[in-house]
Amino acid sequence: DLTDYDLEAPMPPSHWGDTRQHVFYGALYHWFIMFANRAFPHFKPHRD
């Protein structure tokens, strides 16, 4: 499929997003589930 196909792969950036942002949004997401989840009485987390 790549034969005779002129490719110029896009270059990734030197930096965007990082572990801190991933961890922060994960913590924030679970905070809302902990303290604002009364409207979802049957919610079950998909992890143990």
All heavy atoms as atom14 arrays in JSON, in Angstrom:
{
  "sequence": "DLTDYDLEAPMPPSHWGDTRQHVFYGALYHWFIMFANRAFPHFKPHRD",
  "atom14_mask": [
    [1, 1, 1, 1, 1, 1, 1, 1, 0, 0, 0, 0, 0, 0],
    [1, 1, 1, 1, 1, 1, 1, 1, 0, 0, 0, 0, 0, 0],
    [1, 1, 1, 1, 1, 1, 1, 0, 0, 0, 0, 0, 0, 0],
    [1, 1, 1, 1, 1, 1, 1, 1, 0, 0, 0, 0, 0, 0],
    [1, 1, 1, 1, 1, 1, 1, 1, 1, 1, 1, 1, 0, 0],
    [1, 1, 1, 1, 1, 1, 1, 1, 0, 0, 0, 0, 0, 0],
    [1, 1, 1, 1, 1, 1, 1, 1, 0, 0, 0, 0, 0, 0],
    [1, 1, 1, 1, 1, 1, 1, 1, 1, 0, 0, 0, 0, 0],
    [1, 1, 1, 1, 1, 0, 0, 0, 0, 0, 0, 0, 0, 0],
    [1, 1, 1, 1, 1, 1, 1, 0, 0, 0, 0, 0, 0, 0],
    [1, 1, 1, 1, 1, 1, 1, 1, 0, 0, 0, 0, 0, 0],
    [1, 1, 1, 1, 1, 1, 1, 0, 0, 0, 0, 0, 0, 0],
    [1, 1, 1, 1, 1, 1, 1, 0, 0, 0, 0, 0, 0, 0],
    [1, 1, 1, 1, 1, 1, 0, 0, 0, 0, 0, 0, 0, 0],
    [1, 1, 1, 1, 1, 1, 1, 1, 1, 1, 0, 0, 0, 0],
    [1, 1, 1, 1, 1, 1, 1, 1, 1, 1, 1, 1, 1, 1],
    [1, 1, 1, 1, 0, 0, 0, 0, 0, 0, 0, 0, 0, 0],
    [1, 1, 1, 1, 1, 1, 1, 1, 0, 0, 0, 0, 0, 0],
    [1, 1, 1, 1, 1, 1, 1, 0, 0, 0, 0, 0, 0, 0],
    [1, 1, 1, 1, 1, 1, 1, 1, 1, 1, 1, 0, 0, 0],
    [1, 1, 1, 1, 1, 1, 1, 1, 1, 0, 0, 0, 0, 0],
    [1, 1, 1, 1, 1, 1, 1, 1, 1, 1, 0, 0, 0, 0],
    [1, 1, 1, 1, 1, 1, 1, 0, 0, 0, 0, 0, 0, 0],
    [1, 1, 1, 1, 1, 1, 1, 1, 1, 1, 1, 0, 0, 0],
    [1, 1, 1, 1, 1, 1, 1, 1, 1, 1, 1, 1, 0, 0],
    [1, 1, 1, 1, 0, 0, 0, 0, 0, 0, 0, 0, 0, 0],
    [1, 1, 1, 1, 1, 0, 0, 0, 0, 0, 0, 0, 0, 0],
    [1, 1, 1, 1, 1, 1, 1, 1, 0, 0, 0, 0, 0, 0],
    [1, 1, 1, 1, 1, 1, 1, 1, 1, 1, 1, 1, 0, 0],
    [1, 1, 1, 1, 1, 1, 1, 1, 1, 1, 0, 0, 0, 0],
    [1, 1, 1, 1, 1, 1, 1, 1, 1, 1, 1, 1, 1, 1],
    [1, 1, 1, 1, 1, 1, 1, 1, 1, 1, 1, 0, 0, 0],
    [1, 1, 1, 1, 1, 1, 1, 1, 0, 0, 0, 0, 0, 0],
    [1, 1, 1, 1, 1, 1, 1, 1, 0, 0, 0, 0, 0, 0],
    [1, 1, 1, 1, 1, 1, 1, 1, 1, 1, 1, 0, 0, 0],
    [1, 1, 1, 1, 1, 0, 0, 0, 0, 0, 0, 0, 0, 0],
    [1, 1, 1, 1, 1, 1, 1, 1, 0, 0, 0, 0, 0, 0],
    [1, 1, 1, 1, 1, 1, 1, 1, 1, 1, 1, 0, 0, 0],
    [1, 1, 1, 1, 1, 0, 0, 0, 0, 0, 0, 0, 0, 0],
    [1, 1, 1, 1, 1, 1, 1, 1, 1, 1, 1, 0, 0, 0],
    [1, 1, 1, 1, 1, 1, 1, 0, 0, 0, 0, 0, 0, 0],
    [1, 1, 1, 1, 1, 1, 1, 1, 1, 1, 0, 0, 0, 0],
    [1, 1, 1, 1, 1, 1, 1, 1, 1, 1, 1, 0, 0, 0],
    [1, 1, 1, 1, 1, 1, 1, 1, 1, 0, 0, 0, 0, 0],
    [1, 1, 1, 1, 1, 1, 1, 0, 0, 0, 0, 0, 0, 0],
    [1, 1, 1, 1, 1, 1, 1, 1, 1, 1, 0, 0, 0, 0],
    [1, 1, 1, 1, 1, 1, 1, 1, 1, 1, 1, 0, 0, 0],
    [1, 1, 1, 1, 1, 1, 1, 1, 0, 0, 0, 0, 0, 0]
  ],
  "atom14_positions": [
    [[0.82, -1.21, 0.0], [0.0, 0.0, 0.0], [0.85, 1.26, 0.0], [0.41, 2.32, -0.46], [-0.93, 0.01, 1.22], [-2.04, -1.03, 1.11], [-2.25, -1.54, -0.01], [-2.66, -1.34, 2.14], [0.0, 0.0, 0.0], [0.0, 0.0, 0.0], [0.0, 0.0, 0.0], [0.0, 0.0, 0.0], [0.0, 0.0, 0.0], [0.0, 0.0, 0.0]],
    [[2.08, 1.15, 0.52], [2.97, 2.31, 0.57], [3.78, 2.48, -0.72], [4.36, 3.55, -0.95], [3.94, 2.16, 1.74], [3.35, 2.25, 3.15], [4.39, 1.86, 4.18], [2.82, 3.64, 3.44], [0.0, 0.0, 0.0], [0.0, 0.0, 0.0], [0.0, 0.0, 0.0], [0.0, 0.0, 0.0], [0.0, 0.0, 0.0], [0.0, 0.0, 0.0]],
    [[3.83, 1.44, -1.55], [4.64, 1.49, -2.76], [4.2, 2.64, -3.67], [3.01, 2.82, -3.93], [4.53, 0.17, -3.55], [4.93, -0.9, -2.7], [5.43, 0.19, -4.77], [0.0, 0.0, 0.0], [0.0, 0.0, 0.0], [0.0, 0.0, 0.0], [0.0, 0.0, 0.0], [0.0, 0.0, 0.0], [0.0, 0.0, 0.0], [0.0, 0.0, 0.0]],
    [[5.18, 3.39, -4.15], [4.93, 4.52, -5.06], [4.05, 5.59, -4.45], [3.46, 6.42, -5.16], [4.29, 4.04, -6.38], [5.18, 3.07, -7.12], [6.41, 3.22, -7.06], [4.64, 2.13, -7.75], [0.0, 0.0, 0.0], [0.0, 0.0, 0.0], [0.0, 0.0, 0.0], [0.0, 0.0, 0.0], [0.0, 0.0, 0.0], [0.0, 0.0, 0.0]],
    [[3.91, 5.57, -3.13], [3.11, 6.6, -2.46], [4.07, 7.58, -1.82], [4.86, 7.24, -0.95], [2.21, 5.97, -1.4], [1.13, 6.92, -0.9], [-0.06, 7.07, -1.6], [1.33, 7.66, 0.25], [-1.03, 7.94, -1.15], [0.36, 8.53, 0.71], [-0.83, 8.66, 0.0], [-1.79, 9.53, 0.44], [0.0, 0.0, 0.0], [0.0, 0.0, 0.0]],
    [[4.04, 8.81, -2.27], [4.99, 9.83, -1.81], [4.58, 10.32, -0.43], [3.6, 11.06, -0.29], [5.01, 10.99, -2.81], [6.12, 11.99, -2.48], [7.03, 11.62, -1.71], [6.07, 13.12, -2.99], [0.0, 0.0, 0.0], [0.0, 0.0, 0.0], [0.0, 0.0, 0.0], [0.0, 0.0, 0.0], [0.0, 0.0, 0.0], [0.0, 0.0, 0.0]],
    [[5.31, 9.89, 0.57], [4.96, 10.22, 1.94], [5.88, 11.28, 2.52], [7.08, 11.23, 2.35], [5.05, 8.98, 2.82], [4.06, 7.84, 2.54], [4.39, 6.67, 3.43], [2.65, 8.3, 2.78], [0.0, 0.0, 0.0], [0.0, 0.0, 0.0], [0.0, 0.0, 0.0], [0.0, 0.0, 0.0], [0.0, 0.0, 0.0], [0.0, 0.0, 0.0]],
    [[5.3, 12.19, 3.2], [6.08, 13.14, 4.0], [5.43, 13.19, 5.36], [4.44, 13.89, 5.58], [6.08, 14.53, 3.36], [7.02, 15.49, 4.07], [7.18, 16.81, 3.33], [6.93, 16.84, 2.12], [7.54, 17.8, 3.99], [0.0, 0.0, 0.0], [0.0, 0.0, 0.0], [0.0, 0.0, 0.0], [0.0, 0.0, 0.0], [0.0, 0.0, 0.0]],
    [[5.92, 12.37, 6.27], [5.29, 12.2, 7.58], [5.29, 13.52, 8.35], [6.29, 14.24, 8.36], [6.03, 11.13, 8.38], [0.0, 0.0, 0.0], [0.0, 0.0, 0.0], [0.0, 0.0, 0.0], [0.0, 0.0, 0.0], [0.0, 0.0, 0.0], [0.0, 0.0, 0.0], [0.0, 0.0, 0.0], [0.0, 0.0, 0.0], [0.0, 0.0, 0.0]],
    [[4.16, 13.86, 9.0], [4.12, 15.07, 9.81], [5.08, 14.98, 10.98], [5.29, 13.91, 11.56], [2.67, 15.12, 10.3], [2.19, 13.7, 10.22], [2.92, 13.09, 9.06], [0.0, 0.0, 0.0], [0.0, 0.0, 0.0], [0.0, 0.0, 0.0], [0.0, 0.0, 0.0], [0.0, 0.0, 0.0], [0.0, 0.0, 0.0], [0.0, 0.0, 0.0]],
    [[5.68, 16.09, 11.33], [6.63, 16.12, 12.43], [5.91, 16.4, 13.73], [5.11, 17.32, 13.82], [7.68, 17.2, 12.18], [8.59, 16.92, 10.99], [9.57, 15.41, 11.24], [10.61, 15.94, 12.61], [0.0, 0.0, 0.0], [0.0, 0.0, 0.0], [0.0, 0.0, 0.0], [0.0, 0.0, 0.0], [0.0, 0.0, 0.0], [0.0, 0.0, 0.0]],
    [[6.18, 15.6, 14.77], [5.56, 15.87, 16.07], [6.18, 17.11, 16.7], [7.29, 17.5, 16.36], [5.89, 14.61, 16.88], [7.12, 14.08, 16.26], [7.03, 14.42, 14.8], [0.0, 0.0, 0.0], [0.0, 0.0, 0.0], [0.0, 0.0, 0.0], [0.0, 0.0, 0.0], [0.0, 0.0, 0.0], [0.0, 0.0, 0.0], [0.0, 0.0, 0.0]],
    [[5.46, 17.73, 17.65], [5.99, 18.93, 18.31], [7.09, 18.56, 19.29], [7.26, 17.4, 19.65], [4.76, 19.47, 19.05], [3.98, 18.24, 19.38], [4.17, 17.32, 18.19], [0.0, 0.0, 0.0], [0.0, 0.0, 0.0], [0.0, 0.0, 0.0], [0.0, 0.0, 0.0], [0.0, 0.0, 0.0], [0.0, 0.0, 0.0], [0.0, 0.0, 0.0]],
    [[7.82, 19.56, 19.73], [8.84, 19.29, 20.73], [8.21, 19.01, 22.08], [8.77, 18.3, 22.91], [9.77, 20.51, 20.86], [9.02, 21.67, 21.2], [0.0, 0.0, 0.0], [0.0, 0.0, 0.0], [0.0, 0.0, 0.0], [0.0, 0.0, 0.0], [0.0, 0.0, 0.0], [0.0, 0.0, 0.0], [0.0, 0.0, 0.0], [0.0, 0.0, 0.0]],
    [[7.0, 19.54, 22.31], [6.35, 19.31, 23.61], [4.9, 19.78, 23.53], [4.6, 20.81, 22.97], [7.06, 20.1, 24.71], [6.39, 19.99, 26.05], [6.58, 18.91, 26.88], [5.53, 20.82, 26.69], [5.87, 19.09, 27.98], [5.23, 20.24, 27.89], [0.0, 0.0, 0.0], [0.0, 0.0, 0.0], [0.0, 0.0, 0.0], [0.0, 0.0, 0.0]],
    [[3.99, 18.94, 24.03], [2.65, 19.41, 24.4], [2.03, 18.39, 25.33], [2.25, 17.2, 25.21], [1.75, 19.69, 23.22], [1.3, 18.5, 22.4], [1.02, 17.22, 22.81], [1.06, 18.52, 20.99], [0.64, 16.45, 21.78], [0.64, 17.21, 20.64], [1.15, 19.49, 19.99], [0.32, 16.86, 19.34], [0.82, 19.13, 18.71], [0.42, 17.84, 18.39]],
    [[1.26, 18.89, 26.29], [0.65, 17.98, 27.24], [1.71, 17.2, 27.99], [2.8, 16.99, 27.5], [0.0, 0.0, 0.0], [0.0, 0.0, 0.0], [0.0, 0.0, 0.0], [0.0, 0.0, 0.0], [0.0, 0.0, 0.0], [0.0, 0.0, 0.0], [0.0, 0.0, 0.0], [0.0, 0.0, 0.0], [0.0, 0.0, 0.0], [0.0, 0.0, 0.0]],
    [[1.46, 16.77, 29.18], [2.42, 15.96, 29.9], [1.72, 15.16, 30.98], [0.49, 15.2, 31.1], [3.54, 16.81, 30.5], [3.04, 17.93, 31.4], [1.88, 17.84, 31.85], [3.8, 18.87, 31.67], [0.0, 0.0, 0.0], [0.0, 0.0, 0.0], [0.0, 0.0, 0.0], [0.0, 0.0, 0.0], [0.0, 0.0, 0.0], [0.0, 0.0, 0.0]],
    [[2.49, 14.45, 31.75], [1.94, 13.57, 32.77], [1.12, 14.35, 33.79], [0.07, 13.88, 34.24], [3.08, 12.82, 33.48], [3.82, 12.09, 32.5], [2.54, 11.86, 34.53], [0.0, 0.0, 0.0], [0.0, 0.0, 0.0], [0.0, 0.0, 0.0], [0.0, 0.0, 0.0], [0.0, 0.0, 0.0], [0.0, 0.0, 0.0], [0.0, 0.0, 0.0]],
    [[1.57, 15.54, 34.15], [0.86, 16.33, 35.16], [-0.58, 16.62, 34.75], [-1.5, 16.54, 35.55], [1.61, 17.64, 35.44], [2.88, 17.47, 36.23], [3.48, 18.81, 36.63], [3.84, 19.6, 35.46], [4.99, 19.52, 34.84], [5.91, 18.65, 35.25], [5.26, 20.28, 33.79], [0.0, 0.0, 0.0], [0.0, 0.0, 0.0], [0.0, 0.0, 0.0]],
    [[-0.77, 16.98, 33.46], [-2.13, 17.27, 32.99], [-3.0, 16.03, 33.0], [-4.18, 16.08, 33.36], [-2.07, 17.89, 31.6], [-1.55, 19.33, 31.61], [-1.24, 19.83, 30.21], [-0.51, 19.19, 29.48], [-1.8, 20.97, 29.86], [0.0, 0.0, 0.0], [0.0, 0.0, 0.0], [0.0, 0.0, 0.0], [0.0, 0.0, 0.0], [0.0, 0.0, 0.0]],
    [[-2.42, 14.9, 32.6], [-3.17, 13.65, 32.6], [-3.61, 13.3, 34.02], [-4.78, 12.96, 34.26], [-2.28, 12.54, 32.02], [-3.04, 11.3, 31.67], [-2.55, 10.35, 30.8], [-4.24, 10.81, 32.08], [-3.42, 9.36, 30.67], [-4.45, 9.62, 31.45], [0.0, 0.0, 0.0], [0.0, 0.0, 0.0], [0.0, 0.0, 0.0], [0.0, 0.0, 0.0]],
    [[-2.69, 13.36, 34.96], [-2.99, 13.03, 36.35], [-3.99, 14.02, 36.94], [-4.93, 13.64, 37.65], [-1.7, 12.99, 37.2], [-2.02, 12.78, 38.67], [-0.78, 11.9, 36.69], [0.0, 0.0, 0.0], [0.0, 0.0, 0.0], [0.0, 0.0, 0.0], [0.0, 0.0, 0.0], [0.0, 0.0, 0.0], [0.0, 0.0, 0.0], [0.0, 0.0, 0.0]],
    [[-3.82, 15.33, 36.63], [-4.73, 16.35, 37.15], [-6.16, 16.1, 36.71], [-7.09, 16.12, 37.53], [-4.26, 17.74, 36.7], [-5.27, 18.83, 36.99], [-5.41, 19.32, 38.28], [-6.1, 19.33, 35.99], [-6.34, 20.31, 38.55], [-7.03, 20.31, 36.25], [-7.15, 20.81, 37.54], [0.0, 0.0, 0.0], [0.0, 0.0, 0.0], [0.0, 0.0, 0.0]],
    [[-6.36, 15.87, 35.41], [-7.72, 15.66, 34.92], [-8.3, 14.34, 35.43], [-9.52, 14.23, 35.65], [-7.75, 15.7, 33.4], [-7.71, 17.11, 32.84], [-6.63, 17.55, 32.1], [-8.75, 18.0, 33.09], [-6.59, 18.85, 31.6], [-8.72, 19.29, 32.61], [-7.63, 19.72, 31.86], [-7.59, 21.0, 31.38], [0.0, 0.0, 0.0], [0.0, 0.0, 0.0]],
    [[-7.45, 13.34, 35.64], [-7.93, 12.1, 36.23], [-8.44, 12.31, 37.64], [-9.5, 11.81, 38.03], [0.0, 0.0, 0.0], [0.0, 0.0, 0.0], [0.0, 0.0, 0.0], [0.0, 0.0, 0.0], [0.0, 0.0, 0.0], [0.0, 0.0, 0.0], [0.0, 0.0, 0.0], [0.0, 0.0, 0.0], [0.0, 0.0, 0.0], [0.0, 0.0, 0.0]],
    [[-7.69, 13.09, 38.44], [-8.1, 13.39, 39.81], [-9.39, 14.22, 39.82], [-10.31, 13.96, 40.62], [-6.98, 14.13, 40.54], [0.0, 0.0, 0.0], [0.0, 0.0, 0.0], [0.0, 0.0, 0.0], [0.0, 0.0, 0.0], [0.0, 0.0, 0.0], [0.0, 0.0, 0.0], [0.0, 0.0, 0.0], [0.0, 0.0, 0.0], [0.0, 0.0, 0.0]],
    [[-9.49, 15.21, 38.93], [-10.67, 16.07, 38.87], [-11.91, 15.27, 38.47], [-12.99, 15.44, 39.05], [-10.43, 17.2, 37.88], [-11.51, 18.28, 37.77], [-11.68, 18.98, 39.12], [-11.15, 19.3, 36.69], [0.0, 0.0, 0.0], [0.0, 0.0, 0.0], [0.0, 0.0, 0.0], [0.0, 0.0, 0.0], [0.0, 0.0, 0.0], [0.0, 0.0, 0.0]],
    [[-11.75, 14.4, 37.5], [-12.85, 13.55, 37.04], [-13.39, 12.7, 38.19], [-14.61, 12.63, 38.41], [-12.33, 12.66, 35.91], [-13.32, 11.66, 35.33], [-14.24, 12.04, 34.36], [-13.31, 10.33, 35.75], [-15.13, 11.13, 33.82], [-14.2, 9.41, 35.21], [-15.1, 9.81, 34.25], [-15.98, 8.91, 33.72], [0.0, 0.0, 0.0], [0.0, 0.0, 0.0]],
    [[-12.5, 12.09, 38.96], [-12.94, 11.24, 40.06], [-13.48, 12.07, 41.23], [-14.32, 11.6, 42.0], [-11.8, 10.33, 40.52], [-11.52, 9.2, 39.58], [-10.58, 9.29, 38.59], [-12.1, 7.98, 39.45], [-10.57, 8.16, 37.9], [-11.47, 7.36, 38.39], [0.0, 0.0, 0.0], [0.0, 0.0, 0.0], [0.0, 0.0, 0.0], [0.0, 0.0, 0.0]],
    [[-13.03, 13.31, 41.37], [-13.58, 14.19, 42.41], [-15.06, 14.42, 42.16], [-15.88, 14.36, 43.09], [-12.83, 15.52, 42.42], [-13.24, 16.42, 43.56], [-12.66, 16.5, 44.79], [-14.32, 17.37, 43.56], [-13.31, 17.44, 45.56], [-14.34, 17.99, 44.84], [-15.27, 17.75, 42.63], [-15.27, 18.95, 45.19], [-16.22, 18.71, 42.98], [-16.21, 19.31, 44.24]],
    [[-15.44, 14.7, 40.92], [-16.85, 14.92, 40.6], [-17.68, 13.66, 40.84], [-18.83, 13.73, 41.28], [-17.01, 15.38, 39.14], [-16.7, 16.83, 38.93], [-15.55, 17.22, 38.27], [-17.54, 17.82, 39.41], [-15.24, 18.55, 38.08], [-17.26, 19.17, 39.23], [-16.1, 19.54, 38.56], [0.0, 0.0, 0.0], [0.0, 0.0, 0.0], [0.0, 0.0, 0.0]],
    [[-17.12, 12.51, 40.57], [-17.85, 11.26, 40.82], [-18.03, 11.05, 42.33], [-19.07, 10.58, 42.79], [-17.11, 10.07, 40.19], [-17.01, 10.24, 38.68], [-17.82, 8.76, 40.52], [-16.19, 9.17, 37.99], [0.0, 0.0, 0.0], [0.0, 0.0, 0.0], [0.0, 0.0, 0.0], [0.0, 0.0, 0.0], [0.0, 0.0, 0.0], [0.0, 0.0, 0.0]],
    [[-17.03, 11.42, 43.11], [-17.1, 11.26, 44.56], [-18.15, 12.16, 45.19], [-18.91, 11.74, 46.06], [-15.73, 11.54, 45.19], [-14.69, 10.46, 44.98], [-13.06, 11.01, 45.55], [-13.38, 11.48, 47.24], [0.0, 0.0, 0.0], [0.0, 0.0, 0.0], [0.0, 0.0, 0.0], [0.0, 0.0, 0.0], [0.0, 0.0, 0.0], [0.0, 0.0, 0.0]],
    [[-18.2, 13.43, 44.76], [-18.98, 14.43, 45.48], [-20.2, 14.95, 44.74], [-20.97, 15.74, 45.31], [-18.06, 15.6, 45.86], [-16.94, 15.22, 46.77], [-15.64, 15.19, 46.31], [-17.19, 14.85, 48.08], [-14.59, 14.83, 47.15], [-16.15, 14.49, 48.93], [-14.85, 14.48, 48.47], [0.0, 0.0, 0.0], [0.0, 0.0, 0.0], [0.0, 0.0, 0.0]],
    [[-20.41, 14.56, 43.5], [-21.55, 15.11, 42.74], [-22.25, 14.04, 41.91], [-22.78, 14.33, 40.84], [-21.06, 16.25, 41.84], [0.0, 0.0, 0.0], [0.0, 0.0, 0.0], [0.0, 0.0, 0.0], [0.0, 0.0, 0.0], [0.0, 0.0, 0.0], [0.0, 0.0, 0.0], [0.0, 0.0, 0.0], [0.0, 0.0, 0.0], [0.0, 0.0, 0.0]],
    [[-22.28, 12.82, 42.43], [-22.76, 11.7, 41.6], [-24.13, 11.15, 42.03], [-24.51, 10.07, 41.61], [-21.74, 10.56, 41.63], [-21.7, 9.78, 40.34], [-21.64, 10.36, 39.26], [-21.74, 8.45, 40.44], [0.0, 0.0, 0.0], [0.0, 0.0, 0.0], [0.0, 0.0, 0.0], [0.0, 0.0, 0.0], [0.0, 0.0, 0.0], [0.0, 0.0, 0.0]],
    [[-24.87, 11.89, 42.84], [-26.15, 11.39, 43.35], [-27.15, 11.1, 42.24], [-28.01, 10.24, 42.38], [-26.75, 12.4, 44.33], [-26.0, 12.49, 45.65], [-26.69, 13.42, 46.62], [-25.99, 13.51, 47.88], [-26.39, 14.26, 48.9], [-27.49, 15.01, 48.78], [-25.7, 14.29, 50.03], [0.0, 0.0, 0.0], [0.0, 0.0, 0.0], [0.0, 0.0, 0.0]],
    [[-27.03, 11.81, 41.14], [-27.98, 11.62, 40.02], [-27.73, 10.3, 39.29], [-28.52, 9.93, 38.42], [-27.89, 12.79, 39.05], [0.0, 0.0, 0.0], [0.0, 0.0, 0.0], [0.0, 0.0, 0.0], [0.0, 0.0, 0.0], [0.0, 0.0, 0.0], [0.0, 0.0, 0.0], [0.0, 0.0, 0.0], [0.0, 0.0, 0.0], [0.0, 0.0, 0.0]],
    [[-26.64, 9.61, 39.62], [-26.3, 8.36, 38.94], [-26.18, 7.23, 39.98], [-25.08, 6.76, 40.27], [-24.99, 8.51, 38.17], [-25.02, 9.59, 37.12], [-24.71, 10.91, 37.44], [-25.35, 9.28, 35.8], [-24.74, 11.91, 36.46], [-25.37, 10.25, 34.83], [-25.08, 11.57, 35.15], [0.0, 0.0, 0.0], [0.0, 0.0, 0.0], [0.0, 0.0, 0.0]],
    [[-27.3, 6.8, 40.55], [-27.26, 5.86, 41.68], [-26.73, 4.47, 41.33], [-26.27, 3.75, 42.22], [-28.73, 5.78, 42.11], [-29.51, 6.11, 40.87], [-28.68, 7.16, 40.17], [0.0, 0.0, 0.0], [0.0, 0.0, 0.0], [0.0, 0.0, 0.0], [0.0, 0.0, 0.0], [0.0, 0.0, 0.0], [0.0, 0.0, 0.0], [0.0, 0.0, 0.0]],
    [[-26.76, 4.09, 40.07], [-26.34, 2.74, 39.69], [-24.94, 2.71, 39.06], [-24.53, 1.68, 38.51], [-27.34, 2.14, 38.7], [-28.72, 1.99, 39.27], [-29.04, 1.05, 40.22], [-29.86, 2.71, 39.02], [-30.33, 1.17, 40.54], [-30.84, 2.16, 39.83], [0.0, 0.0, 0.0], [0.0, 0.0, 0.0], [0.0, 0.0, 0.0], [0.0, 0.0, 0.0]],
    [[-24.22, 3.83, 39.15], [-22.89, 3.87, 38.54], [-21.96, 2.85, 39.18], [-21.89, 2.72, 40.4], [-22.29, 5.27, 38.66], [-20.82, 5.32, 38.31], [-20.42, 5.18, 36.99], [-19.85, 5.47, 39.3], [-19.07, 5.21, 36.65], [-18.5, 5.51, 38.97], [-18.12, 5.37, 37.64], [0.0, 0.0, 0.0], [0.0, 0.0, 0.0], [0.0, 0.0, 0.0]],
    [[-21.22, 2.13, 38.33], [-20.2, 1.19, 38.79], [-18.9, 1.48, 38.05], [-18.89, 1.52, 36.82], [-20.61, -0.25, 38.51], [-21.83, -0.73, 39.27], [-22.05, -2.23, 39.06], [-22.23, -2.58, 37.61], [-22.5, -4.03, 37.41], [0.0, 0.0, 0.0], [0.0, 0.0, 0.0], [0.0, 0.0, 0.0], [0.0, 0.0, 0.0], [0.0, 0.0, 0.0]],
    [[-17.8, 1.7, 38.78], [-16.51, 1.93, 38.09], [-16.1, 0.66, 37.34], [-16.42, -0.45, 37.75], [-15.54, 2.26, 39.23], [-16.17, 1.69, 40.45], [-17.65, 1.76, 40.24], [0.0, 0.0, 0.0], [0.0, 0.0, 0.0], [0.0, 0.0, 0.0], [0.0, 0.0, 0.0], [0.0, 0.0, 0.0], [0.0, 0.0, 0.0], [0.0, 0.0, 0.0]],
    [[-15.39, 0.86, 36.22], [-14.98, -0.29, 35.41], [-13.69, -0.93, 35.92], [-13.24, -1.94, 35.37], [-14.8, 0.13, 33.95], [-13.71, 1.13, 33.72], [-13.88, 2.47, 33.96], [-12.44, 0.98, 33.28], [-12.77, 3.11, 33.68], [-11.87, 2.23, 33.26], [0.0, 0.0, 0.0], [0.0, 0.0, 0.0], [0.0, 0.0, 0.0], [0.0, 0.0, 0.0]],
    [[-13.11, -0.35, 36.97], [-11.9, -0.93, 37.56], [-12.22, -1.51, 38.94], [-13.29, -1.25, 39.51], [-10.81, 0.14, 37.66], [-10.35, 0.62, 36.3], [-9.43, 1.81, 36.41], [-9.05, 2.3, 35.08], [-8.53, 3.5, 34.85], [-8.3, 4.33, 35.85], [-8.22, 3.88, 33.62], [0.0, 0.0, 0.0], [0.0, 0.0, 0.0], [0.0, 0.0, 0.0]],
    [[-11.27, -2.26, 39.5], [-11.51, -2.95, 40.76], [-11.58, -2.0, 41.95], [-12.28, -2.27, 42.92], [-10.4, -3.98, 41.02], [-10.44, -5.11, 40.01], [-11.53, -5.37, 39.45], [-9.38, -5.73, 39.76], [0.0, 0.0, 0.0], [0.0, 0.0, 0.0], [0.0, 0.0, 0.0], [0.0, 0.0, 0.0], [0.0, 0.0, 0.0], [0.0, 0.0, 0.0]]
  ]
}
